[in-house]
Amino acid sequence: MKPLNEYRKTRILTATPGELIVMLYDGLLGRVETARKHLVNNNPAEAGVLLNRAHEILHELIGCLDHQRSPELVDSLTALYSYCANLLVEGLGKLDPTKFEEVYGLLKPLRDAWEDAERQVKSGAIDQKVVNE
């Protein structure tokens, strides 16, 4: 196995649940931004490939939601992720990169909030139990 692939595998296997969520957001946002650039450069086929993976990540994020703990939050996030998925389809269909920018703008603050929560857990400012509740 290549060293980079081995590093990625180890990073995933040793990550906390919060770190995994941040990784999913990073993968999603990176693909959305790269797809936007492809669309701007008149390469919708490449944008489409990236958006397929972005959709998979959105579905993975929905699958991570715990309906037992906070049904209202789960409903809100599910609606947001579905809205973002629809924007990506619309953006590709209409060749409109501003739809990708909107998705990025909606999801980046959530990614940053997860990263901040993880940082606070690691520093001891927040108990891991609070994050898991």
N, C-alpha and C. Protein backbone atom coordinates (compact mmCIF):
# COMPACT_ATOMS: atom_id res chain seq x y z
N MET A 1 0.85 -1.19 0.00
CA MET A 1 0.00 0.00 0.00
C MET A 1 0.88 1.24 0.00
N LYS A 2 0.45 2.26 -0.69
CA LYS A 2 1.22 3.50 -0.76
C LYS A 2 1.22 4.18 0.61
N PRO A 3 2.32 4.87 0.93
CA PRO A 3 2.41 5.53 2.24
C PRO A 3 1.26 6.50 2.52
N LEU A 4 0.83 7.26 1.52
CA LEU A 4 -0.25 8.22 1.73
C LEU A 4 -1.55 7.50 2.05
N ASN A 5 -1.83 6.41 1.35
CA ASN A 5 -3.04 5.64 1.63
C ASN A 5 -2.99 5.02 3.02
N GLU A 6 -1.82 4.56 3.40
CA GLU A 6 -1.64 3.98 4.74
C GLU A 6 -1.87 5.05 5.81
N TYR A 7 -1.36 6.25 5.56
CA TYR A 7 -1.55 7.36 6.50
C TYR A 7 -3.04 7.68 6.64
N ARG A 8 -3.74 7.77 5.52
CA ARG A 8 -5.18 8.07 5.55
C ARG A 8 -5.95 7.01 6.32
N LYS A 9 -5.61 5.76 6.06
CA LYS A 9 -6.29 4.66 6.74
C LYS A 9 -6.07 4.75 8.24
N THR A 10 -4.83 4.99 8.66
CA THR A 10 -4.52 5.12 10.08
C THR A 10 -5.23 6.31 10.69
N ARG A 11 -5.25 7.41 9.97
CA ARG A 11 -5.91 8.62 10.46
C ARG A 11 -7.40 8.37 10.70
N ILE A 12 -8.04 7.67 9.80
CA ILE A 12 -9.47 7.37 9.94
C ILE A 12 -9.70 6.40 11.09
N LEU A 13 -8.88 5.37 11.18
CA LEU A 13 -9.07 4.35 12.22
C LEU A 13 -8.82 4.88 13.62
N THR A 14 -8.01 5.92 13.75
CA THR A 14 -7.68 6.46 15.07
C THR A 14 -8.44 7.74 15.41
N ALA A 15 -9.29 8.19 14.53
CA ALA A 15 -10.01 9.45 14.73
C ALA A 15 -11.17 9.27 15.71
N THR A 16 -11.47 10.36 16.41
CA THR A 16 -12.66 10.39 17.25
C THR A 16 -13.88 10.57 16.35
N PRO A 17 -15.08 10.31 16.87
CA PRO A 17 -16.27 10.55 16.04
C PRO A 17 -16.35 11.99 15.52
N GLY A 18 -16.00 12.96 16.35
CA GLY A 18 -16.02 14.35 15.91
C GLY A 18 -15.02 14.62 14.81
N GLU A 19 -13.84 14.03 14.93
CA GLU A 19 -12.82 14.19 13.88
C GLU A 19 -13.29 13.57 12.57
N LEU A 20 -14.00 12.45 12.66
CA LEU A 20 -14.53 11.83 11.44
C LEU A 20 -15.56 12.73 10.76
N ILE A 21 -16.39 13.40 11.56
CA ILE A 21 -17.37 14.32 10.99
C ILE A 21 -16.65 15.47 10.28
N VAL A 22 -15.60 16.00 10.92
CA VAL A 22 -14.83 17.08 10.29
C VAL A 22 -14.21 16.59 8.98
N MET A 23 -13.71 15.36 8.97
CA MET A 23 -13.14 14.80 7.74
C MET A 23 -14.20 14.70 6.64
N LEU A 24 -15.40 14.28 7.02
CA LEU A 24 -16.48 14.20 6.03
C LEU A 24 -16.78 15.59 5.46
N TYR A 25 -16.90 16.57 6.35
CA TYR A 25 -17.14 17.94 5.87
C TYR A 25 -16.00 18.41 4.97
N ASP A 26 -14.76 18.13 5.37
CA ASP A 26 -13.62 18.55 4.54
C ASP A 26 -13.70 17.93 3.15
N GLY A 27 -14.01 16.64 3.11
CA GLY A 27 -14.15 15.97 1.82
C GLY A 27 -15.28 16.55 0.99
N LEU A 28 -16.38 16.82 1.63
CA LEU A 28 -17.54 17.39 0.95
C LEU A 28 -17.24 18.79 0.42
N LEU A 29 -16.72 19.65 1.29
CA LEU A 29 -16.44 21.03 0.88
C LEU A 29 -15.36 21.09 -0.19
N GLY A 30 -14.35 20.24 -0.08
CA GLY A 30 -13.30 20.20 -1.10
C GLY A 30 -13.85 19.81 -2.46
N ARG A 31 -14.74 18.83 -2.47
CA ARG A 31 -15.33 18.40 -3.74
C ARG A 31 -16.25 19.46 -4.32
N VAL A 32 -17.02 20.11 -3.45
CA VAL A 32 -17.91 21.18 -3.93
C VAL A 32 -17.10 22.32 -4.54
N GLU A 33 -16.03 22.71 -3.86
CA GLU A 33 -15.21 23.82 -4.37
C GLU A 33 -14.50 23.43 -5.68
N THR A 34 -13.98 22.22 -5.75
CA THR A 34 -13.30 21.78 -6.97
C THR A 34 -14.31 21.64 -8.11
N ALA A 35 -15.50 21.14 -7.81
CA ALA A 35 -16.55 21.04 -8.83
C ALA A 35 -16.93 22.43 -9.34
N ARG A 36 -17.01 23.39 -8.43
CA ARG A 36 -17.32 24.77 -8.84
C ARG A 36 -16.27 25.27 -9.83
N LYS A 37 -15.00 25.02 -9.52
CA LYS A 37 -13.92 25.46 -10.42
C LYS A 37 -14.03 24.78 -11.78
N HIS A 38 -14.36 23.49 -11.78
CA HIS A 38 -14.54 22.79 -13.06
C HIS A 38 -15.69 23.39 -13.86
N LEU A 39 -16.76 23.74 -13.17
CA LEU A 39 -17.90 24.33 -13.87
C LEU A 39 -17.54 25.68 -14.46
N VAL A 40 -16.81 26.49 -13.69
CA VAL A 40 -16.37 27.80 -14.18
C VAL A 40 -15.48 27.64 -15.41
N ASN A 41 -14.69 26.57 -15.44
CA ASN A 41 -13.78 26.31 -16.56
C ASN A 41 -14.43 25.45 -17.65
N ASN A 42 -15.76 25.43 -17.69
CA ASN A 42 -16.51 24.71 -18.72
C ASN A 42 -16.19 23.22 -18.79
N ASN A 43 -16.08 22.59 -17.63
CA ASN A 43 -15.84 21.17 -17.58
C ASN A 43 -16.90 20.51 -16.67
N PRO A 44 -18.16 20.52 -17.12
CA PRO A 44 -19.23 19.99 -16.28
C PRO A 44 -19.13 18.48 -16.02
N ALA A 45 -18.49 17.74 -16.92
CA ALA A 45 -18.36 16.30 -16.70
C ALA A 45 -17.53 16.02 -15.45
N GLU A 46 -16.41 16.71 -15.30
CA GLU A 46 -15.58 16.54 -14.10
C GLU A 46 -16.31 17.01 -12.86
N ALA A 47 -17.06 18.11 -13.00
CA ALA A 47 -17.85 18.60 -11.87
C ALA A 47 -18.86 17.54 -11.45
N GLY A 48 -19.47 16.88 -12.40
CA GLY A 48 -20.44 15.84 -12.10
C GLY A 48 -19.85 14.68 -11.33
N VAL A 49 -18.65 14.27 -11.70
CA VAL A 49 -17.98 13.17 -10.98
C VAL A 49 -17.77 13.56 -9.52
N LEU A 50 -17.31 14.77 -9.30
CA LEU A 50 -17.08 15.24 -7.93
C LEU A 50 -18.39 15.36 -7.16
N LEU A 51 -19.43 15.79 -7.83
CA LEU A 51 -20.71 15.96 -7.15
C LEU A 51 -21.34 14.63 -6.78
N ASN A 52 -21.06 13.57 -7.53
CA ASN A 52 -21.54 12.25 -7.13
C ASN A 52 -20.98 11.88 -5.77
N ARG A 53 -19.71 12.10 -5.57
CA ARG A 53 -19.09 11.81 -4.28
C ARG A 53 -19.61 12.76 -3.20
N ALA A 54 -19.83 14.02 -3.56
CA ALA A 54 -20.39 14.98 -2.60
C ALA A 54 -21.76 14.50 -2.11
N HIS A 55 -22.57 13.97 -3.01
CA HIS A 55 -23.87 13.44 -2.62
C HIS A 55 -23.71 12.25 -1.68
N GLU A 56 -22.76 11.39 -1.95
CA GLU A 56 -22.51 10.26 -1.07
C GLU A 56 -22.14 10.73 0.34
N ILE A 57 -21.33 11.77 0.41
CA ILE A 57 -20.92 12.30 1.71
C ILE A 57 -22.11 12.92 2.42
N LEU A 58 -22.95 13.65 1.71
CA LEU A 58 -24.16 14.20 2.33
C LEU A 58 -25.02 13.09 2.92
N HIS A 59 -25.18 12.00 2.19
CA HIS A 59 -25.96 10.87 2.70
C HIS A 59 -25.28 10.22 3.91
N GLU A 60 -23.98 10.19 3.90
CA GLU A 60 -23.23 9.67 5.06
C GLU A 60 -23.45 10.57 6.27
N LEU A 61 -23.43 11.88 6.08
CA LEU A 61 -23.69 12.81 7.18
C LEU A 61 -25.10 12.62 7.73
N ILE A 62 -26.06 12.40 6.86
CA ILE A 62 -27.43 12.13 7.31
C ILE A 62 -27.45 10.84 8.13
N GLY A 63 -26.71 9.84 7.67
CA GLY A 63 -26.66 8.57 8.38
C GLY A 63 -26.01 8.64 9.75
N CYS A 64 -25.20 9.65 9.97
CA CYS A 64 -24.53 9.83 11.26
C CYS A 64 -25.45 10.45 12.31
N LEU A 65 -26.56 11.00 11.88
CA LEU A 65 -27.45 11.71 12.81
C LEU A 65 -28.16 10.72 13.73
N ASP A 66 -28.28 11.08 15.00
CA ASP A 66 -28.91 10.23 16.01
C ASP A 66 -30.32 10.76 16.29
N HIS A 67 -31.30 10.09 15.74
CA HIS A 67 -32.70 10.53 15.88
C HIS A 67 -33.19 10.44 17.32
N GLN A 68 -32.59 9.58 18.12
CA GLN A 68 -33.03 9.41 19.51
C GLN A 68 -32.66 10.60 20.38
N ARG A 69 -31.53 11.22 20.12
CA ARG A 69 -31.02 12.28 21.00
C ARG A 69 -31.68 13.63 20.76
N SER A 70 -31.86 13.98 19.52
CA SER A 70 -32.40 15.31 19.22
C SER A 70 -33.17 15.29 17.90
N PRO A 71 -34.42 14.83 17.96
CA PRO A 71 -35.20 14.71 16.72
C PRO A 71 -35.33 16.01 15.94
N GLU A 72 -35.49 17.14 16.65
CA GLU A 72 -35.65 18.41 15.94
C GLU A 72 -34.38 18.80 15.21
N LEU A 73 -33.24 18.61 15.87
CA LEU A 73 -31.95 18.92 15.23
C LEU A 73 -31.74 18.02 14.02
N VAL A 74 -32.05 16.75 14.20
CA VAL A 74 -31.90 15.80 13.09
C VAL A 74 -32.78 16.21 11.91
N ASP A 75 -34.01 16.60 12.20
CA ASP A 75 -34.91 17.04 11.11
C ASP A 75 -34.34 18.27 10.40
N SER A 76 -33.81 19.22 11.18
CA SER A 76 -33.25 20.44 10.59
C SER A 76 -32.03 20.14 9.74
N LEU A 77 -31.13 19.31 10.26
CA LEU A 77 -29.92 18.98 9.50
C LEU A 77 -30.25 18.15 8.26
N THR A 78 -31.18 17.23 8.40
CA THR A 78 -31.59 16.43 7.24
C THR A 78 -32.16 17.34 6.15
N ALA A 79 -32.99 18.30 6.56
CA ALA A 79 -33.55 19.24 5.58
C ALA A 79 -32.45 20.08 4.94
N LEU A 80 -31.48 20.52 5.75
CA LEU A 80 -30.37 21.31 5.21
C LEU A 80 -29.55 20.49 4.22
N TYR A 81 -29.19 19.26 4.60
CA TYR A 81 -28.39 18.42 3.71
C TYR A 81 -29.15 18.11 2.42
N SER A 82 -30.45 17.87 2.53
CA SER A 82 -31.26 17.61 1.33
C SER A 82 -31.32 18.85 0.44
N TYR A 83 -31.47 20.01 1.06
CA TYR A 83 -31.48 21.26 0.31
C TYR A 83 -30.15 21.44 -0.43
N CYS A 84 -29.06 21.16 0.27
CA CYS A 84 -27.73 21.28 -0.36
C CYS A 84 -27.59 20.30 -1.53
N ALA A 85 -28.06 19.08 -1.35
CA ALA A 85 -28.00 18.10 -2.44
C ALA A 85 -28.78 18.61 -3.65
N ASN A 86 -29.95 19.18 -3.40
CA ASN A 86 -30.75 19.73 -4.50
C ASN A 86 -30.06 20.90 -5.18
N LEU A 87 -29.41 21.76 -4.38
CA LEU A 87 -28.67 22.88 -4.97
C LEU A 87 -27.55 22.39 -5.88
N LEU A 88 -26.87 21.33 -5.47
CA LEU A 88 -25.78 20.80 -6.29
C LEU A 88 -26.30 20.28 -7.62
N VAL A 89 -27.42 19.57 -7.57
CA VAL A 89 -28.03 19.07 -8.81
C VAL A 89 -28.46 20.24 -9.69
N GLU A 90 -29.10 21.22 -9.07
CA GLU A 90 -29.56 22.39 -9.82
C GLU A 90 -28.38 23.16 -10.42
N GLY A 91 -27.32 23.32 -9.63
CA GLY A 91 -26.15 24.04 -10.12
C GLY A 91 -25.51 23.37 -11.31
N LEU A 92 -25.41 22.04 -11.25
CA LEU A 92 -24.83 21.31 -12.37
C LEU A 92 -25.76 21.36 -13.58
N GLY A 93 -27.05 21.17 -13.33
CA GLY A 93 -28.02 21.18 -14.43
C GLY A 93 -28.10 22.51 -15.15
N LYS A 94 -27.99 23.58 -14.40
CA LYS A 94 -28.08 24.92 -14.99
C LYS A 94 -26.71 25.54 -15.25
N LEU A 95 -25.66 24.75 -14.98
CA LEU A 95 -24.29 25.23 -15.14
C LEU A 95 -24.09 26.54 -14.37
N ASP A 96 -24.56 26.54 -13.12
CA ASP A 96 -24.56 27.73 -12.28
C ASP A 96 -23.68 27.51 -11.04
N PRO A 97 -22.43 27.97 -11.08
CA PRO A 97 -21.52 27.76 -9.95
C PRO A 97 -21.93 28.48 -8.68
N THR A 98 -22.84 29.45 -8.77
CA THR A 98 -23.26 30.15 -7.55
C THR A 98 -24.03 29.22 -6.62
N LYS A 99 -24.64 28.18 -7.16
CA LYS A 99 -25.34 27.19 -6.32
C LYS A 99 -24.32 26.43 -5.47
N PHE A 100 -23.14 26.17 -6.04
CA PHE A 100 -22.09 25.48 -5.28
C PHE A 100 -21.56 26.40 -4.19
N GLU A 101 -21.45 27.68 -4.51
CA GLU A 101 -20.99 28.66 -3.51
C GLU A 101 -21.98 28.73 -2.35
N GLU A 102 -23.26 28.65 -2.66
CA GLU A 102 -24.28 28.68 -1.60
C GLU A 102 -24.14 27.46 -0.69
N VAL A 103 -23.94 26.29 -1.28
CA VAL A 103 -23.75 25.08 -0.48
C VAL A 103 -22.53 25.23 0.42
N TYR A 104 -21.44 25.70 -0.16
CA TYR A 104 -20.21 25.90 0.62
C TYR A 104 -20.48 26.85 1.79
N GLY A 105 -21.18 27.94 1.51
CA GLY A 105 -21.47 28.92 2.55
C GLY A 105 -22.37 28.39 3.65
N LEU A 106 -23.26 27.47 3.32
CA LEU A 106 -24.14 26.88 4.32
C LEU A 106 -23.43 25.86 5.19
N LEU A 107 -22.52 25.09 4.60
CA LEU A 107 -21.92 23.97 5.33
C LEU A 107 -20.60 24.30 6.02
N LYS A 108 -19.87 25.29 5.54
CA LYS A 108 -18.57 25.63 6.14
C LYS A 108 -18.70 25.99 7.62
N PRO A 109 -19.71 26.79 8.02
CA PRO A 109 -19.84 27.09 9.45
C PRO A 109 -20.09 25.85 10.31
N LEU A 110 -20.81 24.87 9.78
CA LEU A 110 -21.03 23.63 10.53
C LEU A 110 -19.73 22.87 10.69
N ARG A 111 -18.96 22.80 9.63
CA ARG A 111 -17.65 22.14 9.69
C ARG A 111 -16.77 22.82 10.74
N ASP A 112 -16.75 24.14 10.72
CA ASP A 112 -15.92 24.88 11.67
C ASP A 112 -16.39 24.70 13.10
N ALA A 113 -17.71 24.59 13.30
CA ALA A 113 -18.25 24.36 14.64
C ALA A 113 -17.82 23.00 15.17
N TRP A 114 -17.84 21.99 14.31
CA TRP A 114 -17.38 20.66 14.72
C TRP A 114 -15.89 20.68 15.08
N GLU A 115 -15.12 21.37 14.26
CA GLU A 115 -13.68 21.45 14.54
C GLU A 115 -13.44 22.16 15.88
N ASP A 116 -14.18 23.23 16.13
CA ASP A 116 -14.04 23.97 17.38
C ASP A 116 -14.44 23.10 18.57
N ALA A 117 -15.53 22.35 18.45
CA ALA A 117 -15.95 21.46 19.53
C ALA A 117 -14.89 20.40 19.81
N GLU A 118 -14.31 19.83 18.78
CA GLU A 118 -13.24 18.84 18.96
C GLU A 118 -12.03 19.44 19.66
N ARG A 119 -11.68 20.65 19.28
CA ARG A 119 -10.55 21.34 19.89
C ARG A 119 -10.82 21.56 21.39
N GLN A 120 -12.05 21.94 21.71
CA GLN A 120 -12.40 22.18 23.10
C GLN A 120 -12.42 20.88 23.91
N VAL A 121 -12.86 19.80 23.30
CA VAL A 121 -12.83 18.50 23.98
C VAL A 121 -11.39 18.11 24.28
N LYS A 122 -10.52 18.26 23.30
CA LYS A 122 -9.11 17.88 23.47
C LYS A 122 -8.42 18.73 24.52
N SER A 123 -8.83 20.00 24.64
CA SER A 123 -8.20 20.88 25.62
C SER A 123 -8.80 20.71 27.01
N GLY A 124 -9.89 19.96 27.09
CA GLY A 124 -10.55 19.76 28.37
C GLY A 124 -11.59 20.81 28.69
N ALA A 125 -11.80 21.76 27.81
CA ALA A 125 -12.78 22.82 28.04
C ALA A 125 -14.21 22.27 27.99
N ILE A 126 -14.42 21.21 27.23
CA ILE A 126 -15.72 20.55 27.14
C ILE A 126 -15.51 19.07 27.40
N ASP A 127 -16.38 18.48 28.19
CA ASP A 127 -16.34 17.05 28.45
C ASP A 127 -16.87 16.30 27.22
N GLN A 128 -16.22 15.22 26.84
CA GLN A 128 -16.64 14.43 25.69
C GLN A 128 -18.09 13.97 25.84
N LYS A 129 -18.52 13.73 27.07
CA LYS A 129 -19.90 13.30 27.30
C LYS A 129 -20.90 14.36 26.85
N VAL A 130 -20.55 15.63 27.02
CA VAL A 130 -21.43 16.72 26.59
C VAL A 130 -21.57 16.71 25.08
N VAL A 131 -20.48 16.48 24.38
CA VAL A 131 -20.50 16.44 22.91
C VAL A 131 -21.35 15.26 22.44
N ASN A 132 -21.26 14.15 23.15
CA ASN A 132 -21.99 12.95 22.74
C ASN A 132 -23.47 13.00 23.10
N GLU A 133 -23.88 13.96 23.93
CA GLU A 133 -25.30 14.03 24.34
C GLU A 133 -26.14 14.76 23.35
